[in-house]
PDB file of N, CA and C in Angstrom:
ATOM      1  N   MET A   1      28.626 -45.664  34.389  1.00  0.00           N
ATOM      2  CA  MET A   1      27.581 -44.714  34.710  1.00  0.00           C
ATOM      3  C   MET A   1      27.074 -44.092  33.415  1.00  0.00           C
ATOM      4  N   LYS A   2      25.795 -44.139  33.228  1.00  0.00           N
ATOM      5  CA  LYS A   2      25.182 -43.620  32.010  1.00  0.00           C
ATOM      6  C   LYS A   2      24.829 -42.141  32.197  1.00  0.00           C
ATOM      7  N   VAL A   3      25.222 -41.341  31.205  1.00  0.00           N
ATOM      8  CA  VAL A   3      24.917 -39.914  31.245  1.00  0.00           C
ATOM      9  C   VAL A   3      23.799 -39.658  30.245  1.00  0.00           C
ATOM     10  N   GLU A   4      22.732 -39.106  30.723  1.00  0.00           N
ATOM     11  CA  GLU A   4      21.595 -38.812  29.855  1.00  0.00           C
ATOM     12  C   GLU A   4      21.687 -37.375  29.358  1.00  0.00           C
ATOM     13  N   THR A   5      21.069 -37.143  28.220  1.00  0.00           N
ATOM     14  CA  THR A   5      21.095 -35.790  27.662  1.00  0.00           C
ATOM     15  C   THR A   5      20.258 -34.857  28.507  1.00  0.00           C
ATOM     16  N   PHE A   6      20.692 -33.660  28.505  1.00  0.00           N
ATOM     17  CA  PHE A   6      20.018 -32.632  29.292  1.00  0.00           C
ATOM     18  C   PHE A   6      19.646 -31.485  28.376  1.00  0.00           C
ATOM     19  N   GLN A   7      18.386 -31.112  28.379  1.00  0.00           N
ATOM     20  CA  GLN A   7      17.940 -29.992  27.550  1.00  0.00           C
ATOM     21  C   GLN A   7      17.504 -28.854  28.443  1.00  0.00           C
ATOM     22  N   LEU A   8      17.915 -27.678  28.041  1.00  0.00           N
ATOM     23  CA  LEU A   8      17.508 -26.487  28.779  1.00  0.00           C
ATOM     24  C   LEU A   8      16.065 -26.147  28.447  1.00  0.00           C
ATOM     25  N   PRO A   9      15.337 -25.613  29.402  1.00  0.00           N
ATOM     26  CA  PRO A   9      13.961 -25.219  29.094  1.00  0.00           C
ATOM     27  C   PRO A   9      13.936 -24.062  28.111  1.00  0.00           C
ATOM     28  N   GLN A  10      12.926 -24.034  27.291  1.00  0.00           N
ATOM     29  CA  GLN A  10      12.773 -22.970  26.301  1.00  0.00           C
ATOM     30  C   GLN A  10      11.937 -21.849  26.893  1.00  0.00           C
ATOM     31  N   PHE A  11      12.595 -20.772  27.221  1.00  0.00           N
ATOM     32  CA  PHE A  11      11.900 -19.607  27.760  1.00  0.00           C
ATOM     33  C   PHE A  11      11.446 -18.721  26.615  1.00  0.00           C
ATOM     34  N   PRO A  12      10.289 -18.075  26.746  1.00  0.00           N
ATOM     35  CA  PRO A  12       9.808 -17.211  25.661  1.00  0.00           C
ATOM     36  C   PRO A  12      10.744 -16.055  25.356  1.00  0.00           C
ATOM     37  N   GLU A  13      11.455 -15.532  26.358  1.00  0.00           N
ATOM     38  CA  GLU A  13      12.363 -14.426  26.128  1.00  0.00           C
ATOM     39  C   GLU A  13      13.496 -14.857  25.205  1.00  0.00           C
ATOM     40  N   ASN A  14      14.018 -16.059  25.408  1.00  0.00           N
ATOM     41  CA  ASN A  14      15.108 -16.554  24.571  1.00  0.00           C
ATOM     42  C   ASN A  14      14.651 -16.759  23.137  1.00  0.00           C
ATOM     43  N   ASN A  15      13.429 -17.203  22.934  1.00  0.00           N
ATOM     44  CA  ASN A  15      12.916 -17.397  21.583  1.00  0.00           C
ATOM     45  C   ASN A  15      12.813 -16.070  20.843  1.00  0.00           C
ATOM     46  N   LYS A  16      12.386 -15.032  21.539  1.00  0.00           N
ATOM     47  CA  LYS A  16      12.273 -13.719  20.898  1.00  0.00           C
ATOM     48  C   LYS A  16      13.646 -13.195  20.500  1.00  0.00           C
ATOM     49  N   ILE A  17      14.631 -13.408  21.352  1.00  0.00           N
ATOM     50  CA  ILE A  17      15.980 -12.952  21.044  1.00  0.00           C
ATOM     51  C   ILE A  17      16.521 -13.693  19.830  1.00  0.00           C
ATOM     52  N   ASN A  18      16.317 -15.005  19.787  1.00  0.00           N
ATOM     53  CA  ASN A  18      16.805 -15.800  18.662  1.00  0.00           C
ATOM     54  C   ASN A  18      16.109 -15.412  17.363  1.00  0.00           C
ATOM     55  N   GLU A  19      14.817 -15.139  17.419  1.00  0.00           N
ATOM     56  CA  GLU A  19      14.098 -14.722  16.218  1.00  0.00           C
ATOM     57  C   GLU A  19      14.625 -13.387  15.710  1.00  0.00           C
ATOM     58  N   LYS A  20      14.900 -12.484  16.614  1.00  0.00           N
ATOM     59  CA  LYS A  20      15.387 -11.172  16.214  1.00  0.00           C
ATOM     60  C   LYS A  20      16.775 -11.271  15.591  1.00  0.00           C
ATOM     61  N   LYS A  21      17.625 -12.141  16.125  1.00  0.00           N
ATOM     62  CA  LYS A  21      18.972 -12.287  15.600  1.00  0.00           C
ATOM     63  C   LYS A  21      18.964 -12.842  14.183  1.00  0.00           C
ATOM     64  N   THR A  22      18.093 -13.755  13.906  1.00  0.00           N
ATOM     65  CA  THR A  22      18.085 -14.375  12.588  1.00  0.00           C
ATOM     66  C   THR A  22      17.431 -13.494  11.537  1.00  0.00           C
ATOM     67  N   SER A  23      16.639 -12.532  11.946  1.00  0.00           N
ATOM     68  CA  SER A  23      15.920 -11.719  10.964  1.00  0.00           C
ATOM     69  C   SER A  23      16.772 -10.587  10.383  1.00  0.00           C
ATOM     70  N   THR A  24      17.859 -10.209  11.054  1.00  0.00           N
ATOM     71  CA  THR A  24      18.705  -9.135  10.537  1.00  0.00           C
ATOM     72  C   THR A  24      20.013  -9.719  10.006  1.00  0.00           C
ATOM     73  N   SER A  25      20.426  -9.233   8.876  1.00  0.00           N
ATOM     74  CA  SER A  25      21.670  -9.713   8.292  1.00  0.00           C
ATOM     75  C   SER A  25      22.811  -8.774   8.675  1.00  0.00           C
ATOM     76  N   PHE A  26      24.011  -9.222   8.425  1.00  0.00           N
ATOM     77  CA  PHE A  26      25.199  -8.430   8.733  1.00  0.00           C
ATOM     78  C   PHE A  26      25.203  -7.137   7.920  1.00  0.00           C
ATOM     79  N   THR A  27      24.781  -7.233   6.675  1.00  0.00           N
ATOM     80  CA  THR A  27      24.727  -6.061   5.808  1.00  0.00           C
ATOM     81  C   THR A  27      23.752  -5.020   6.348  1.00  0.00           C
ATOM     82  N   GLU A  28      22.586  -5.478   6.821  1.00  0.00           N
ATOM     83  CA  GLU A  28      21.596  -4.550   7.369  1.00  0.00           C
ATOM     84  C   GLU A  28      22.126  -3.858   8.617  1.00  0.00           C
ATOM     85  N   ILE A  29      22.841  -4.606   9.449  1.00  0.00           N
ATOM     86  CA  ILE A  29      23.403  -4.019  10.662  1.00  0.00           C
ATOM     87  C   ILE A  29      24.438  -2.957  10.307  1.00  0.00           C
ATOM     88  N   LEU A  30      25.290  -3.243   9.315  1.00  0.00           N
ATOM     89  CA  LEU A  30      26.284  -2.258   8.888  1.00  0.00           C
ATOM     90  C   LEU A  30      25.625  -1.009   8.321  1.00  0.00           C
ATOM     91  N   LYS A  31      24.611  -1.199   7.473  1.00  0.00           N
ATOM     92  CA  LYS A  31      23.923  -0.042   6.896  1.00  0.00           C
ATOM     93  C   LYS A  31      23.258   0.796   7.975  1.00  0.00           C
ATOM     94  N   GLU A  32      22.641   0.135   8.939  1.00  0.00           N
ATOM     95  CA  GLU A  32      21.980   0.861  10.025  1.00  0.00           C
ATOM     96  C   GLU A  32      22.997   1.642  10.861  1.00  0.00           C
ATOM     97  N   SER A  33      24.147   1.037  11.109  1.00  0.00           N
ATOM     98  CA  SER A  33      25.191   1.713  11.882  1.00  0.00           C
ATOM     99  C   SER A  33      25.742   2.921  11.135  1.00  0.00           C
ATOM    100  N   ILE A  34      25.955   2.769   9.840  1.00  0.00           N
ATOM    101  CA  ILE A  34      26.450   3.892   9.038  1.00  0.00           C
ATOM    102  C   ILE A  34      25.428   5.017   9.016  1.00  0.00           C
ATOM    103  N   ASN A  35      24.146   4.676   8.917  1.00  0.00           N
ATOM    104  CA  ASN A  35      23.093   5.698   8.940  1.00  0.00           C
ATOM    105  C   ASN A  35      23.053   6.429  10.271  1.00  0.00           C
ATOM    106  N   LYS A  36      23.284   5.699  11.376  1.00  0.00           N
ATOM    107  CA  LYS A  36      23.300   6.343  12.690  1.00  0.00           C
ATOM    108  C   LYS A  36      24.472   7.307  12.806  1.00  0.00           C
ATOM    109  N   VAL A  37      25.632   6.907  12.305  1.00  0.00           N
ATOM    110  CA  VAL A  37      26.807   7.790  12.332  1.00  0.00           C
ATOM    111  C   VAL A  37      26.533   9.035  11.505  1.00  0.00           C
ATOM    112  N   SER A  38      25.933   8.843  10.349  1.00  0.00           N
ATOM    113  CA  SER A  38      25.604   9.980   9.486  1.00  0.00           C
ATOM    114  C   SER A  38      24.610  10.921  10.169  1.00  0.00           C
ATOM    115  N   ALA A  39      23.627  10.358  10.850  1.00  0.00           N
ATOM    116  CA  ALA A  39      22.644  11.192  11.551  1.00  0.00           C
ATOM    117  C   ALA A  39      23.306  11.993  12.669  1.00  0.00           C
ATOM    118  N   LEU A  40      24.239  11.368  13.394  1.00  0.00           N
ATOM    119  CA  LEU A  40      24.943  12.095  14.458  1.00  0.00           C
ATOM    120  C   LEU A  40      25.810  13.210  13.887  1.00  0.00           C
ATOM    121  N   GLU A  41      26.410  12.979  12.728  1.00  0.00           N
ATOM    122  CA  GLU A  41      27.210  14.027  12.093  1.00  0.00           C
ATOM    123  C   GLU A  41      26.318  15.186  11.640  1.00  0.00           C
ATOM    124  N   LYS A  42      25.152  14.879  11.108  1.00  0.00           N
ATOM    125  CA  LYS A  42      24.221  15.940  10.712  1.00  0.00           C
ATOM    126  C   LYS A  42      23.744  16.725  11.920  1.00  0.00           C
ATOM    127  N   GLU A  43      23.496  16.025  13.020  1.00  0.00           N
ATOM    128  CA  GLU A  43      23.072  16.692  14.252  1.00  0.00           C
ATOM    129  C   GLU A  43      24.173  17.631  14.752  1.00  0.00           C
ATOM    130  N   ALA A  44      25.417  17.187  14.679  1.00  0.00           N
ATOM    131  CA  ALA A  44      26.544  18.035  15.091  1.00  0.00           C
ATOM    132  C   ALA A  44      26.650  19.257  14.184  1.00  0.00           C
ATOM    133  N   ASP A  45      26.456  19.067  12.880  1.00  0.00           N
ATOM    134  CA  ASP A  45      26.480  20.205  11.952  1.00  0.00           C
ATOM    135  C   ASP A  45      25.394  21.219  12.282  1.00  0.00           C
ATOM    136  N   GLU A  46      24.212  20.725  12.607  1.00  0.00           N
ATOM    137  CA  GLU A  46      23.110  21.627  12.971  1.00  0.00           C
ATOM    138  C   GLU A  46      23.431  22.414  14.241  1.00  0.00           C
ATOM    139  N   GLU A  47      24.032  21.736  15.217  1.00  0.00           N
ATOM    140  CA  GLU A  47      24.400  22.423  16.459  1.00  0.00           C
ATOM    141  C   GLU A  47      25.460  23.493  16.195  1.00  0.00           C
ATOM    142  N   ILE A  48      26.393  23.212  15.296  1.00  0.00           N
ATOM    143  CA  ILE A  48      27.418  24.201  14.944  1.00  0.00           C
ATOM    144  C   ILE A  48      26.778  25.402  14.257  1.00  0.00           C
ATOM    145  N   LYS A  49      25.826  25.148  13.350  1.00  0.00           N
ATOM    146  CA  LYS A  49      25.131  26.248  12.672  1.00  0.00           C
ATOM    147  C   LYS A  49      24.344  27.099  13.668  1.00  0.00           C
ATOM    148  N   LYS A  50      23.685  26.428  14.627  1.00  0.00           N
ATOM    149  CA  LYS A  50      22.928  27.171  15.633  1.00  0.00           C
ATOM    150  C   LYS A  50      23.855  28.036  16.479  1.00  0.00           C
ATOM    151  N   LEU A  51      25.023  27.523  16.809  1.00  0.00           N
ATOM    152  CA  LEU A  51      25.967  28.299  17.602  1.00  0.00           C
ATOM    153  C   LEU A  51      26.525  29.469  16.795  1.00  0.00           C
ATOM    154  N   ALA A  52      26.781  29.231  15.512  1.00  0.00           N
ATOM    155  CA  ALA A  52      27.341  30.294  14.664  1.00  0.00           C
ATOM    156  C   ALA A  52      26.334  31.410  14.416  1.00  0.00           C
ATOM    157  N   THR A  53      25.050  31.065  14.333  1.00  0.00           N
ATOM    158  CA  THR A  53      24.020  32.076  14.085  1.00  0.00           C
ATOM    159  C   THR A  53      23.436  32.631  15.384  1.00  0.00           C
ATOM    160  N   MET A  54      24.009  32.229  16.518  1.00  0.00           N
ATOM    161  CA  MET A  54      23.591  32.681  17.850  1.00  0.00           C
ATOM    162  C   MET A  54      22.172  32.251  18.219  1.00  0.00           C
ATOM    163  N   GLU A  55      21.640  31.234  17.550  1.00  0.00           N
ATOM    164  CA  GLU A  55      20.356  30.672  17.979  1.00  0.00           C
ATOM    165  C   GLU A  55      20.523  29.969  19.312  1.00  0.00           C
ATOM    166  N   ASN A  56      21.670  29.341  19.473  1.00  0.00           N
ATOM    167  CA  ASN A  56      21.977  28.623  20.697  1.00  0.00           C
ATOM    168  C   ASN A  56      23.292  29.185  21.242  1.00  0.00           C
ATOM    169  N   LYS A  57      23.264  29.701  22.460  1.00  0.00           N
ATOM    170  CA  LYS A  57      24.470  30.282  23.044  1.00  0.00           C
ATOM    171  C   LYS A  57      25.196  29.304  23.957  1.00  0.00           C
ATOM    172  N   ASP A  58      24.671  28.100  24.065  1.00  0.00           N
ATOM    173  CA  ASP A  58      25.272  27.085  24.928  1.00  0.00           C
ATOM    174  C   ASP A  58      26.291  26.274  24.136  1.00  0.00           C
ATOM    175  N   ILE A  59      27.559  26.542  24.378  1.00  0.00           N
ATOM    176  CA  ILE A  59      28.623  25.845  23.645  1.00  0.00           C
ATOM    177  C   ILE A  59      28.766  24.393  24.103  1.00  0.00           C
ATOM    178  N   HIS A  60      28.285  24.082  25.299  1.00  0.00           N
ATOM    179  CA  HIS A  60      28.423  22.731  25.836  1.00  0.00           C
ATOM    180  C   HIS A  60      27.645  21.711  25.004  1.00  0.00           C
ATOM    181  N   THR A  61      26.415  22.028  24.643  1.00  0.00           N
ATOM    182  CA  THR A  61      25.637  21.073  23.846  1.00  0.00           C
ATOM    183  C   THR A  61      26.249  20.895  22.457  1.00  0.00           C
ATOM    184  N   THR A  62      26.804  21.981  21.935  1.00  0.00           N
ATOM    185  CA  THR A  62      27.464  21.885  20.626  1.00  0.00           C
ATOM    186  C   THR A  62      28.681  20.983  20.708  1.00  0.00           C
ATOM    187  N   MET A  63      29.497  21.177  21.714  1.00  0.00           N
ATOM    188  CA  MET A  63      30.697  20.358  21.858  1.00  0.00           C
ATOM    189  C   MET A  63      30.365  18.901  22.143  1.00  0.00           C
ATOM    190  N   ILE A  64      29.324  18.653  22.905  1.00  0.00           N
ATOM    191  CA  ILE A  64      28.910  17.276  23.174  1.00  0.00           C
ATOM    192  C   ILE A  64      28.461  16.601  21.885  1.00  0.00           C
ATOM    193  N   ALA A  65      27.687  17.313  21.079  1.00  0.00           N
ATOM    194  CA  ALA A  65      27.228  16.742  19.804  1.00  0.00           C
ATOM    195  C   ALA A  65      28.398  16.462  18.868  1.00  0.00           C
ATOM    196  N   VAL A  66      29.372  17.383  18.828  1.00  0.00           N
ATOM    197  CA  VAL A  66      30.542  17.194  17.961  1.00  0.00           C
ATOM    198  C   VAL A  66      31.379  16.013  18.441  1.00  0.00           C
ATOM    199  N   GLU A  67      31.600  15.916  19.735  1.00  0.00           N
ATOM    200  CA  GLU A  67      32.400  14.813  20.275  1.00  0.00           C
ATOM    201  C   GLU A  67      31.694  13.464  20.105  1.00  0.00           C
ATOM    202  N   LYS A  68      30.377  13.466  20.267  1.00  0.00           N
ATOM    203  CA  LYS A  68      29.620  12.231  20.065  1.00  0.00           C
ATOM    204  C   LYS A  68      29.740  11.762  18.619  1.00  0.00           C
ATOM    205  N   ALA A  69      29.628  12.691  17.687  1.00  0.00           N
ATOM    206  CA  ALA A  69      29.770  12.340  16.270  1.00  0.00           C
ATOM    207  C   ALA A  69      31.191  11.871  15.974  1.00  0.00           C
ATOM    208  N   ASP A  70      32.182  12.525  16.560  1.00  0.00           N
ATOM    209  CA  ASP A  70      33.570  12.145  16.337  1.00  0.00           C
ATOM    210  C   ASP A  70      33.864  10.754  16.894  1.00  0.00           C
ATOM    211  N   MET A  71      33.396  10.472  18.081  1.00  0.00           N
ATOM    212  CA  MET A  71      33.653   9.167  18.692  1.00  0.00           C
ATOM    213  C   MET A  71      32.969   8.039  17.931  1.00  0.00           C
ATOM    214  N   THR A  72      31.738   8.266  17.489  1.00  0.00           N
ATOM    215  CA  THR A  72      31.050   7.211  16.734  1.00  0.00           C
ATOM    216  C   THR A  72      31.720   6.994  15.381  1.00  0.00           C
ATOM    217  N   PHE A  73      32.219   8.064  14.777  1.00  0.00           N
ATOM    218  CA  PHE A  73      32.934   7.901  13.509  1.00  0.00           C
ATOM    219  C   PHE A  73      34.226   7.120  13.717  1.00  0.00           C
ATOM    220  N   GLN A  74      34.958   7.439  14.772  1.00  0.00           N
ATOM    221  CA  GLN A  74      36.190   6.708  15.063  1.00  0.00           C
ATOM    222  C   GLN A  74      35.907   5.235  15.339  1.00  0.00           C
ATOM    223  N   LEU A  75      34.829   4.958  16.066  1.00  0.00           N
ATOM    224  CA  LEU A  75      34.448   3.574  16.333  1.00  0.00           C
ATOM    225  C   LEU A  75      34.103   2.846  15.039  1.00  0.00           C
ATOM    226  N   MET A  76      33.361   3.512  14.153  1.00  0.00           N
ATOM    227  CA  MET A  76      33.015   2.905  12.878  1.00  0.00           C
ATOM    228  C   MET A  76      34.268   2.599  12.066  1.00  0.00           C
ATOM    229  N   MET A  77      35.248   3.499  12.085  1.00  0.00           N
ATOM    230  CA  MET A  77      36.485   3.270  11.345  1.00  0.00           C
ATOM    231  C   MET A  77      37.278   2.099  11.933  1.00  0.00           C
ATOM    232  N   GLN A  78      37.275   1.953  13.242  1.00  0.00           N
ATOM    233  CA  GLN A  78      37.967   0.827  13.863  1.00  0.00           C
ATOM    234  C   GLN A  78      37.280  -0.498  13.517  1.00  0.00           C
ATOM    235  N   ILE A  79      35.963  -0.486  13.481  1.00  0.00           N
ATOM    236  CA  ILE A  79      35.229  -1.687  13.094  1.00  0.00           C
ATOM    237  C   ILE A  79      35.532  -2.029  11.640  1.00  0.00           C
ATOM    238  N   ARG A  80      35.581  -1.019  10.787  1.00  0.00           N
ATOM    239  CA  ARG A  80      35.927  -1.240   9.380  1.00  0.00           C
ATOM    240  C   ARG A  80      37.316  -1.837   9.257  1.00  0.00           C
ATOM    241  N   ASN A  81      38.259  -1.313  10.025  1.00  0.00           N
ATOM    242  CA  ASN A  81      39.627  -1.835   9.989  1.00  0.00           C
ATOM    243  C   ASN A  81      39.682  -3.292  10.437  1.00  0.00           C
ATOM    244  N   LYS A  82      38.900  -3.640  11.454  1.00  0.00           N
ATOM    245  CA  LYS A  82      38.864  -5.025  11.921  1.00  0.00           C
ATOM    246  C   LYS A  82      38.250  -5.942  10.873  1.00  0.00           C
ATOM    247  N   ILE A  83      37.224  -5.478  10.195  1.00  0.00           N
ATOM    248  CA  ILE A  83      36.595  -6.281   9.145  1.00  0.00           C
ATOM    249  C   ILE A  83      37.573  -6.510   8.002  1.00  0.00           C
ATOM    250  N   ILE A  84      38.279  -5.474   7.603  1.00  0.00           N
ATOM    251  CA  ILE A  84      39.263  -5.605   6.526  1.00  0.00           C
ATOM    252  C   ILE A  84      40.388  -6.544   6.948  1.00  0.00           C
ATOM    253  N   SER A  85      40.837  -6.422   8.184  1.00  0.00           N
ATOM    254  CA  SER A  85      41.883  -7.298   8.692  1.00  0.00           C
ATOM    255  C   SER A  85      41.422  -8.752   8.694  1.00  0.00           C
ATOM    256  N   ALA A  86      40.193  -9.001   9.108  1.00  0.00           N
ATOM    257  CA  ALA A  86      39.653 -10.367   9.111  1.00  0.00           C
ATOM    258  C   ALA A  86      39.538 -10.902   7.688  1.00  0.00           C
ATOM    259  N   TYR A  87      39.104 -10.067   6.763  1.00  0.00           N
ATOM    260  CA  TYR A  87      39.005 -10.483   5.361  1.00  0.00           C
ATOM    261  C   TYR A  87      40.377 -10.846   4.799  1.00  0.00           C
ATOM    262  N   GLU A  88      41.382 -10.018   5.091  1.00  0.00           N
ATOM    263  CA  GLU A  88      42.738 -10.302   4.621  1.00  0.00           C
ATOM    264  C   GLU A  88      43.271 -11.586   5.224  1.00  0.00           C
ATOM    265  N   GLU A  89      42.952 -11.837   6.480  1.00  0.00           N
ATOM    266  CA  GLU A  89      43.393 -13.070   7.125  1.00  0.00           C
ATOM    267  C   GLU A  89      42.726 -14.297   6.479  1.00  0.00           C
ATOM    268  N   ILE A  90      41.470 -14.175   6.158  1.00  0.00           N
ATOM    269  CA  ILE A  90      40.763 -15.276   5.483  1.00  0.00           C
ATOM    270  C   ILE A  90      41.356 -15.517   4.098  1.00  0.00           C
ATOM    271  N   MET A  91      41.708 -14.442   3.396  1.00  0.00           N
ATOM    272  CA  MET A  91      42.289 -14.601   2.067  1.00  0.00           C
ATOM    273  C   MET A  91      43.675 -15.251   2.107  1.00  0.00           C
ATOM    274  N   ARG A  92      44.390 -15.117   3.219  1.00  0.00           N
ATOM    275  CA  ARG A  92      45.707 -15.735   3.360  1.00  0.00           C
ATOM    276  C   ARG A  92      45.620 -17.222   3.708  1.00  0.00           C
ATOM    277  N   MET A  93      44.453 -17.666   4.122  1.00  0.00           N
ATOM    278  CA  MET A  93      44.297 -19.082   4.511  1.00  0.00           C
ATOM    279  C   MET A  93      44.450 -19.986   3.303  1.00  0.00           C
ATOM    280  N   GLN A  94      45.088 -21.106   3.537  1.00  0.00           N
ATOM    281  CA  GLN A  94      45.225 -22.092   2.471  1.00  0.00           C
ATOM    282  C   GLN A  94      44.096 -23.096   2.589  1.00  0.00           C
ATOM    283  N   VAL A  95      43.467 -23.353   1.467  1.00  0.00           N
ATOM    284  CA  VAL A  95      42.333 -24.280   1.467  1.00  0.00           C
ATOM    285  C   VAL A  95      42.745 -25.612   0.912  1.00  0.00           C
TER     286      VAL A  95
END
């Protein structure tokens, strides 16, 4: 029995996704993520200043901003640890 090749149809949505993936590099993604974490930390600092100066009396928004910044920082550190672990594993490989 002969098996013929089968090609999936090319949908325009898939082409856009593939184009977007190839246009950004790993370095750009890391820089963008670090900038987002930094922006969230600055936002949390601003909320703390507003609470300290009594501009904002709602402690809930301040705590949400602080926790959001803390969680994104922790996530970034875990990603960094995984990258370092992968690099160390690659360096241990024998070629």
